[in-house]
N, C-alpha and C. Protein backbone atom coordinates (compact mmCIF):
# COMPACT_ATOMS: atom_id res chain seq x y z
N MET A 1 19.89 21.32 70.71
CA MET A 1 18.56 22.05 71.81
C MET A 1 19.06 21.29 72.84
N MET A 2 18.17 22.20 74.05
CA MET A 2 18.50 22.32 75.04
C MET A 2 17.57 21.69 75.38
N THR A 3 17.47 20.86 76.50
CA THR A 3 16.46 19.80 76.86
C THR A 3 15.78 20.86 78.00
N PRO A 4 14.44 21.18 78.17
CA PRO A 4 14.35 21.90 79.53
C PRO A 4 14.25 20.95 80.40
N GLU A 5 14.55 21.84 81.46
CA GLU A 5 14.61 21.42 83.16
C GLU A 5 13.42 21.33 83.73
N ILE A 6 12.83 20.05 84.19
CA ILE A 6 11.73 20.25 85.01
C ILE A 6 12.19 20.85 86.46
N LEU A 7 11.03 22.05 86.06
CA LEU A 7 11.18 23.02 87.98
C LEU A 7 10.21 22.52 88.82
N ARG A 8 10.21 22.40 90.13
CA ARG A 8 9.88 22.21 91.31
C ARG A 8 8.97 23.45 91.59
N ILE A 9 7.80 23.28 91.55
CA ILE A 9 6.99 24.76 92.10
C ILE A 9 6.25 24.14 93.32
N TYR A 10 5.96 24.76 94.52
CA TYR A 10 5.76 24.69 95.52
C TYR A 10 4.68 25.51 95.57
N ILE A 11 3.60 24.58 96.38
CA ILE A 11 2.12 25.17 96.37
C ILE A 11 1.70 25.75 97.52
N ALA A 12 1.33 26.81 97.52
CA ALA A 12 1.05 27.71 99.12
C ALA A 12 0.02 28.11 98.42
N GLY A 13 -1.49 27.69 99.89
CA GLY A 13 -2.55 28.35 99.92
C GLY A 13 -3.03 27.55 101.03
N PRO A 14 -4.15 27.80 101.20
CA PRO A 14 -4.97 27.64 102.72
C PRO A 14 -5.21 26.33 102.74
N TYR A 15 -4.62 25.96 103.89
CA TYR A 15 -4.83 24.99 105.14
C TYR A 15 -5.93 25.00 106.12
N THR A 16 -5.73 25.46 106.82
CA THR A 16 -6.63 25.69 108.53
C THR A 16 -7.33 26.67 108.37
N SER A 17 -7.22 27.55 107.47
CA SER A 17 -8.91 28.74 107.25
C SER A 17 -9.88 28.20 106.08
N GLY A 18 -11.06 28.30 107.06
CA GLY A 18 -11.89 27.15 105.91
C GLY A 18 -11.64 25.99 106.29
N ASP A 19 -12.57 24.95 105.39
CA ASP A 19 -12.64 24.09 105.34
C ASP A 19 -11.24 22.97 105.03
N VAL A 20 -10.73 22.48 105.44
CA VAL A 20 -9.26 21.77 105.36
C VAL A 20 -9.19 20.86 104.37
N ALA A 21 -10.68 20.00 104.35
CA ALA A 21 -10.44 19.02 103.25
C ALA A 21 -10.88 19.73 102.15
N MET A 22 -10.98 20.80 101.96
CA MET A 22 -11.46 21.17 100.28
C MET A 22 -10.17 22.31 100.17
N ASN A 23 -9.36 22.31 101.31
CA ASN A 23 -8.25 23.29 100.42
C ASN A 23 -7.16 22.33 99.83
N VAL A 24 -7.26 21.06 101.06
CA VAL A 24 -6.26 20.05 100.77
C VAL A 24 -6.58 19.46 99.10
N ARG A 25 -7.73 19.21 98.73
CA ARG A 25 -8.03 19.14 97.49
C ARG A 25 -7.56 19.69 96.49
N GLN A 26 -7.95 21.21 96.96
CA GLN A 26 -7.71 22.54 96.09
C GLN A 26 -6.34 22.40 95.89
N ALA A 27 -5.28 22.03 96.73
CA ALA A 27 -3.81 21.89 96.65
C ALA A 27 -3.23 20.81 95.41
N VAL A 28 -4.42 19.72 95.91
CA VAL A 28 -3.62 18.78 95.57
C VAL A 28 -3.84 18.70 93.97
N LEU A 29 -5.63 19.20 93.78
CA LEU A 29 -5.68 19.65 91.99
C LEU A 29 -4.77 20.47 91.37
N ALA A 30 -4.45 21.63 92.10
CA ALA A 30 -3.71 22.62 91.57
C ALA A 30 -2.01 21.97 91.30
N GLY A 31 -1.74 21.06 92.10
CA GLY A 31 -0.27 20.14 92.02
C GLY A 31 -0.44 18.92 90.56
N LEU A 32 -1.47 18.96 90.51
CA LEU A 32 -1.53 17.27 89.57
C LEU A 32 -1.94 18.33 88.01
N ALA A 33 -2.07 19.30 87.76
CA ALA A 33 -2.17 20.24 87.07
C ALA A 33 -1.09 20.71 86.55
N ILE A 34 0.09 20.99 87.84
CA ILE A 34 1.51 21.36 87.05
C ILE A 34 2.18 19.98 86.83
N HIS A 35 2.04 18.98 87.91
CA HIS A 35 2.60 17.32 86.97
C HIS A 35 2.19 17.30 85.83
N GLU A 36 0.98 17.72 85.15
CA GLU A 36 0.41 17.12 83.65
C GLU A 36 1.45 18.35 82.77
N THR A 37 2.04 19.01 82.95
CA THR A 37 3.06 20.14 82.14
C THR A 37 4.27 19.72 82.14
N GLY A 38 4.22 18.86 82.96
CA GLY A 38 6.28 17.84 83.41
C GLY A 38 6.68 18.34 84.13
N HIS A 39 6.16 19.25 84.95
CA HIS A 39 7.28 19.81 86.42
C HIS A 39 6.60 19.15 87.29
N ALA A 40 7.33 19.45 88.71
CA ALA A 40 7.28 18.79 89.88
C ALA A 40 6.57 18.91 90.55
N PRO A 41 4.77 19.48 91.31
CA PRO A 41 4.71 20.02 92.27
C PRO A 41 4.86 19.95 93.60
N PHE A 42 5.39 20.45 94.99
CA PHE A 42 5.57 20.26 96.26
C PHE A 42 4.01 20.79 96.94
N ILE A 43 3.57 19.39 97.34
CA ILE A 43 1.97 20.04 98.03
C ILE A 43 2.34 20.01 99.56
N PRO A 44 2.82 20.80 99.82
CA PRO A 44 3.12 20.51 101.50
C PRO A 44 1.35 20.08 102.23
N HIS A 45 0.45 20.40 101.36
CA HIS A 45 -0.70 19.91 102.34
C HIS A 45 -0.89 18.90 102.38
N LEU A 46 -0.28 18.03 101.74
CA LEU A 46 -0.30 16.22 101.90
C LEU A 46 0.14 16.11 103.50
N PHE A 47 0.94 17.18 104.05
CA PHE A 47 1.63 16.78 105.40
C PHE A 47 0.38 16.30 105.93
N HIS A 48 -1.20 16.52 105.70
CA HIS A 48 -2.26 16.72 106.51
C HIS A 48 -2.01 15.23 107.31
N PHE A 49 -2.08 14.26 105.98
CA PHE A 49 -2.07 12.61 106.10
C PHE A 49 -1.03 12.27 107.12
N ALA A 50 0.23 12.66 107.05
CA ALA A 50 1.76 12.23 108.03
C ALA A 50 0.67 13.16 109.38
N HIS A 51 0.33 14.00 109.43
CA HIS A 51 0.18 14.59 110.91
C HIS A 51 -1.01 13.36 111.69
N TYR A 52 -1.94 12.69 110.70
CA TYR A 52 -2.73 11.79 111.15
C TYR A 52 -1.86 10.67 111.93
N LEU A 53 -0.84 10.19 111.42
CA LEU A 53 -0.10 9.32 111.60
C LEU A 53 0.97 9.40 112.94
N CYS A 54 1.52 10.78 112.69
CA CYS A 54 2.39 10.99 113.82
C CYS A 54 2.50 12.82 113.96
N PRO A 55 1.42 13.15 114.97
CA PRO A 55 1.13 14.46 115.04
C PRO A 55 1.98 15.23 115.40
N GLN A 56 2.29 16.29 114.95
CA GLN A 56 3.13 17.44 115.65
C GLN A 56 2.87 18.65 115.71
N GLU A 57 3.53 19.44 116.66
CA GLU A 57 3.01 20.84 116.55
C GLU A 57 2.87 21.62 115.32
N TYR A 58 2.26 22.59 114.55
CA TYR A 58 2.14 23.52 113.57
C TYR A 58 3.24 23.59 113.71
N ALA A 59 3.69 24.47 114.33
CA ALA A 59 5.34 25.23 113.91
C ALA A 59 6.59 23.86 113.33
N VAL A 60 6.25 22.90 113.35
CA VAL A 60 7.24 22.14 113.27
C VAL A 60 7.00 21.54 111.66
N TRP A 61 5.33 21.35 111.16
CA TRP A 61 5.40 21.16 110.25
C TRP A 61 5.94 22.67 109.15
N CYS A 62 5.66 23.66 109.44
CA CYS A 62 6.19 25.31 109.23
C CYS A 62 7.55 25.23 108.67
N ALA A 63 8.25 24.55 109.82
CA ALA A 63 9.49 24.83 109.06
C ALA A 63 9.76 23.77 108.44
N LEU A 64 9.06 22.55 108.13
CA LEU A 64 9.17 21.67 107.42
C LEU A 64 9.68 21.88 106.48
N ASP A 65 8.15 22.93 105.75
CA ASP A 65 7.46 23.52 104.64
C ASP A 65 8.73 24.42 104.04
N LEU A 66 9.37 25.27 105.00
CA LEU A 66 10.16 26.24 104.49
C LEU A 66 11.35 25.37 104.08
N GLN A 67 12.18 24.22 104.61
CA GLN A 67 12.84 23.52 103.84
C GLN A 67 12.69 23.17 102.56
N TRP A 68 11.46 22.57 102.31
CA TRP A 68 11.19 22.22 101.17
C TRP A 68 10.98 23.62 100.27
N LEU A 69 10.73 24.85 100.92
CA LEU A 69 10.96 25.74 99.86
C LEU A 69 11.86 26.03 99.42
N GLU A 70 13.13 26.06 99.63
CA GLU A 70 14.43 26.64 99.47
C GLU A 70 14.67 25.39 98.29
N ALA A 71 14.47 24.31 98.30
CA ALA A 71 14.83 23.66 97.16
C ALA A 71 13.54 24.02 96.19
N CYS A 72 12.30 24.63 95.74
CA CYS A 72 11.70 25.44 94.94
C CYS A 72 12.45 25.83 94.04
N HIS A 73 11.82 25.96 92.83
CA HIS A 73 11.96 27.16 91.58
C HIS A 73 11.15 28.16 92.02
N ALA A 74 10.16 28.06 92.02
CA ALA A 74 8.66 28.83 92.33
C ALA A 74 8.03 28.52 93.17
N VAL A 75 7.10 29.47 93.49
CA VAL A 75 5.87 29.41 94.20
C VAL A 75 4.72 29.62 93.09
N LEU A 76 3.98 28.51 93.67
CA LEU A 76 2.37 29.06 93.14
C LEU A 76 1.38 29.41 94.37
N ARG A 77 0.85 30.51 94.41
CA ARG A 77 0.04 31.01 95.51
C ARG A 77 -0.98 30.93 95.31
N LEU A 78 -1.86 29.65 95.49
CA LEU A 78 -3.42 29.45 95.52
C LEU A 78 -4.56 30.72 96.15
N PRO A 79 -5.46 31.46 95.46
CA PRO A 79 -6.28 32.48 96.38
C PRO A 79 -6.87 31.93 97.45
N GLY A 80 -7.12 32.69 98.60
CA GLY A 80 -7.58 32.38 99.95
C GLY A 80 -6.63 32.97 101.09
N GLU A 81 -7.47 33.34 101.93
CA GLU A 81 -6.96 34.18 102.91
C GLU A 81 -6.04 32.90 103.99
N SER A 82 -4.78 33.22 103.87
CA SER A 82 -3.71 32.36 104.80
C SER A 82 -2.45 33.01 105.85
N PRO A 83 -2.43 33.50 106.51
CA PRO A 83 -1.09 33.92 107.08
C PRO A 83 0.02 32.52 106.81
N GLY A 84 0.05 31.63 106.76
CA GLY A 84 1.11 30.74 106.76
C GLY A 84 1.83 30.94 105.38
N SER A 85 0.46 30.95 104.28
CA SER A 85 0.79 30.71 102.96
C SER A 85 2.02 32.46 102.84
N ASP A 86 1.09 32.90 103.46
CA ASP A 86 1.53 34.91 103.31
C ASP A 86 3.19 34.71 103.58
N ARG A 87 3.37 34.05 104.78
CA ARG A 87 5.19 33.51 105.41
C ARG A 87 5.55 33.08 104.25
N GLU A 88 4.72 31.63 103.70
CA GLU A 88 5.95 31.14 102.30
C GLU A 88 6.36 32.58 101.63
N VAL A 89 5.55 32.97 100.99
CA VAL A 89 5.49 33.80 100.11
C VAL A 89 6.83 34.86 100.57
N GLU A 90 6.69 35.60 101.49
CA GLU A 90 7.33 36.55 101.56
C GLU A 90 8.84 35.47 101.98
N PHE A 91 9.17 34.49 102.42
CA PHE A 91 10.25 33.76 102.53
C PHE A 91 10.78 33.70 100.69
N ALA A 92 10.07 33.33 100.60
CA ALA A 92 10.08 33.00 99.24
C ALA A 92 11.00 34.24 98.44
N MET A 93 10.24 35.44 98.31
CA MET A 93 10.96 36.10 97.59
C MET A 93 12.51 36.67 98.77
N THR A 94 12.47 36.35 99.60
CA THR A 94 13.78 36.68 100.29
C THR A 94 15.04 35.61 99.36
N LEU A 95 14.08 34.68 98.96
CA LEU A 95 14.86 33.59 98.38
C LEU A 95 15.30 33.86 96.54
N GLY A 96 14.11 35.00 96.41
CA GLY A 96 14.74 35.47 94.79
C GLY A 96 13.60 34.89 94.11
N LEU A 97 12.67 33.52 94.23
CA LEU A 97 11.65 32.75 93.83
C LEU A 97 10.74 33.49 92.72
N PRO A 98 10.34 33.02 91.72
CA PRO A 98 9.09 34.18 91.27
C PRO A 98 7.89 33.27 92.03
N ILE A 99 6.68 34.07 92.40
CA ILE A 99 5.71 33.83 92.74
C ILE A 99 4.67 34.19 91.87
N TYR A 100 3.82 33.45 91.95
CA TYR A 100 2.58 32.86 90.75
C TYR A 100 1.15 33.07 91.28
N HIS A 101 0.81 33.98 91.39
CA HIS A 101 -0.98 34.20 92.19
C HIS A 101 -2.00 33.72 90.87
N GLY A 102 -2.18 32.31 91.46
CA GLY A 102 -3.17 31.75 91.26
C GLY A 102 -2.45 30.66 90.00
N LEU A 103 -3.52 29.52 89.60
CA LEU A 103 -2.88 28.85 88.67
C LEU A 103 -2.93 28.79 87.15
N GLU A 104 -3.92 29.63 86.99
CA GLU A 104 -3.51 30.08 85.07
C GLU A 104 -2.20 30.96 85.43
N ALA A 105 -2.20 31.60 86.10
CA ALA A 105 -0.92 32.29 85.83
C ALA A 105 0.24 31.65 85.60
N CYS A 106 0.01 30.52 86.66
CA CYS A 106 1.66 29.84 86.92
C CYS A 106 1.54 28.86 85.48
N LEU A 107 0.55 28.25 85.51
CA LEU A 107 0.63 27.09 84.33
C LEU A 107 1.06 28.14 82.87
N GLN A 108 0.48 29.37 82.40
CA GLN A 108 1.18 30.25 81.67
C GLN A 108 2.98 30.58 81.61
N ALA A 109 2.98 30.80 82.81
CA ALA A 109 4.89 31.01 83.05
C ALA A 109 5.83 29.87 82.98
N LEU A 110 4.89 28.50 83.31
CA LEU A 110 5.68 27.58 82.80
C LEU A 110 6.36 27.00 82.22
N PRO A 111 6.03 27.47 80.83
CA PRO A 111 7.03 27.05 79.33
C PRO A 111 7.70 28.40 79.39
N ILE A 112 7.70 29.30 79.51
CA ILE A 112 8.74 30.37 79.61
C ILE A 112 9.64 30.05 80.30
N ILE A 113 9.63 29.56 82.16
CA ILE A 113 10.61 29.55 82.87
C ILE A 113 11.38 28.33 82.78
N SER A 114 10.83 27.28 82.12
CA SER A 114 11.22 25.94 81.61
C SER A 114 12.10 25.78 80.92
N SER A 115 12.26 27.07 79.53
CA SER A 115 12.84 27.27 78.40
C SER A 115 13.97 27.61 79.01
N ARG A 116 14.24 28.65 80.19
CA ARG A 116 15.51 29.60 80.08
C ARG A 116 16.45 28.50 80.76
N GLY A 117 16.12 27.35 80.95
CA GLY A 117 17.02 26.11 81.82
C GLY A 117 17.72 27.08 83.22
N VAL A 118 16.51 27.09 83.90
CA VAL A 118 16.80 27.33 85.11
C VAL A 118 17.80 26.41 86.11
N GLN A 119 19.44 27.22 86.53
CA GLN A 119 20.10 26.50 87.11
C GLN A 119 19.50 26.33 88.79
N VAL A 120 20.03 24.95 89.11
CA VAL A 120 20.06 24.62 90.56
C VAL A 120 21.07 25.28 91.38
């Protein structure tokens, strides 16, 4: 029996649109829900805290996010308006990554995509 692969799931969602603290909270909670399924979330919203220690231009953080996105197997797109997240989703589509709109859709798909033994 093949052991399911741990998948890296990129969390894309609003950050600067609306309440930043609530957006970070929403992304972290979604990431923790993915982690509970045995998979590995990447939560770019956590760069929020790095920005306080070492402020960078917005474009620097966006470029770093795209580097991490290339290492992921799928994207969870959280609800809410976010031009940055829309760009991340567009980039993920060029990589052929599955995009899951909403946490429930992602959680329902994880056992399916992990049982396929996705190759990195």
